[in-house]
Amino acid sequence: MIDIQIENADEVICDCSGTTKAKIASLVEKGVYTLDGISRATGANSGCGSCDYEIENLLDELAGIGDQ
């Protein structure tokens, strides 16, 4: 399991579901690496959809951390 540390972990990235960066990082640690997977697990991106770009960017950032 990867121990991912991110800045502003408590920042809400999806206002519709209240999903934080920390929650997404936790899911990535558990093997959820896609926007669809994050959406299914949290409800993020299933409301207005305006967070998809931010979630994709965070997933890219976390993928880079995991590759180190």
Foldseek 3Di string as FASTA:
>chain_A
DDDDDDPPQCDQLAPVQSDGLVNLLVVVVVPQQDPVSCCVVGVGCVPPNPSSVVSNVSSVVSVVVVVD
